[in-house]
Amino acid sequence: MNYLKFLRLNWLFLLAGFLLTFTSSYGQTYFISLFAGEIKADFGLSDGQWGGIYTVGTTLSAVTMIWAGVLTDRFRVRVLALGVMLALATACVLMALNTSWLLLIFVIFALRLTGQGMMSQLGAVAMVRWFEASRGKALSLASMGFAVGQAVLPVVFVGLFAVAEWRSLWVLAGGLIVLTIPVILILLRQERTPQSMADEAQVAGMNGVHWTRAQMLKSGLFFLMIPMIVGPAAWGTALFFQQVHLTEVKGWELVAFVALMPIYTLSSVGATFASGWAIDRFGVSRIVPIQMLPFAVSFAVLAFADTIFAAGIGLVIFGLGQGMQSTATSTFWAEYYGTRYIGSIKSVAAALMVFGSAIGPGITGLLIDLGISFPEQMLPISLYYLIAAGMATYGIIRYFPTLRR
């Protein structure tokens, strides 16, 4: 089934997934970082203090995700989405009203937990539950919400800085979330039954077993996959978090580097659709071993890049990795561990991802303070991705025979 036919037959559920992932944007680093200058000025924070607050808040949200993500095994997406989106909208308003740097930690925690954590979790879990034979296509289409959010919201809100005060823009963000809620509820009026509530629709994992989270945490495969989960979140977040420093060291204009974002987004979108098709055609086990390689190559290219054109090549390759990551990882958990407890299993992966996005900026920032520029860190980061690819490949070779298909 091609993408257009698949979209025509399932557009209600796919649009719901798209809106869930799009709405996660308000808790993503690329959105929050737009306000970094204004936040530091209003709260009297240095770069290090702001980075510390962000890391603490994000780390707390990662820990909370381990328990909060389990809710997706117990409640329908329609019910959870209402509560999470109201909480995310409230967090946006709190950002606008807060005047205490101490409470800023809680606000960041709330934005990251409800936005990057739970909204992303809802979008991914819904797709792997609602679709079995076409999981790859479903995830690739729903994950377009991430791409559209990253491409559109920064441009719109940066433009609004010229006519509105930054706190009022957070109120606007909260309002946009509230306006999205009835649309999602309408789309999910006839929501498909989660597979955790319908035995006949469940798909088992390795050895024909529906793995619980406790069982997964004791499996060797899970530990082999941790670098693959943490790496893209850690170093991908760091790449955009340190973009001002990167352009200064390289001698590029920041506006020229930011202008490369559309080609990065197009690359990511193309890779998302291609990997979704490949997963459905060849299986996720063929994709996982290679999905770290574009990240490794992109950081190597950026390390040696001396022109903005070369930077563009690096970002295009980086986008290929992001596109593959958005579909392959979520499909992997369902394929190898089954779908009955996919919410609790995915919550661990989501927690690791959020934790990675917390430590990446912190580690790279600390190294910069120690005199190691971000471009100098890129080759070791590239090596990290190669090691992660090797561990994932070994895991697939070791455990693929246990799948019963």
Foldseek 3Di string as FASTA:
>chain_A
DDLVVVCVVQVLLLVLLQLLLLLLLQLDLLNVVLCVVVVCVLQVHDPVLVLVLLLLLLLVLLVVLLPVLQVPLVDPLLVVLVVLLLQLLVLLLCVLVDRHPVCVSVSSNSSNNSRLRPSLLSSLLLLVFVDPLQSLSSLLSSNVSNLCNSVPVSVVVVVCVVPDPPSVVSNVSSVVSVVCSVVSNVSCVVPDDGCLVPVVSWAAAFLRHQAAQVRLVPDPLNVLQLLVLLQCLQQVLQCVVCLVLLCVVLVHDSVLLVVLSVLLSVLLSVLLNVLSVCCSVPNLLVLLLCLLQLLLVLLVQSLPDNDSVSNSVSSSSVSNSNSNVSRSVSNVCCHHNMSNSSSSNVSNSSSSSSSSNSVNNVVQVVVVVVVQGPSNCSNVSSVSSVSSSVSNNVSSVVRVVRGDD
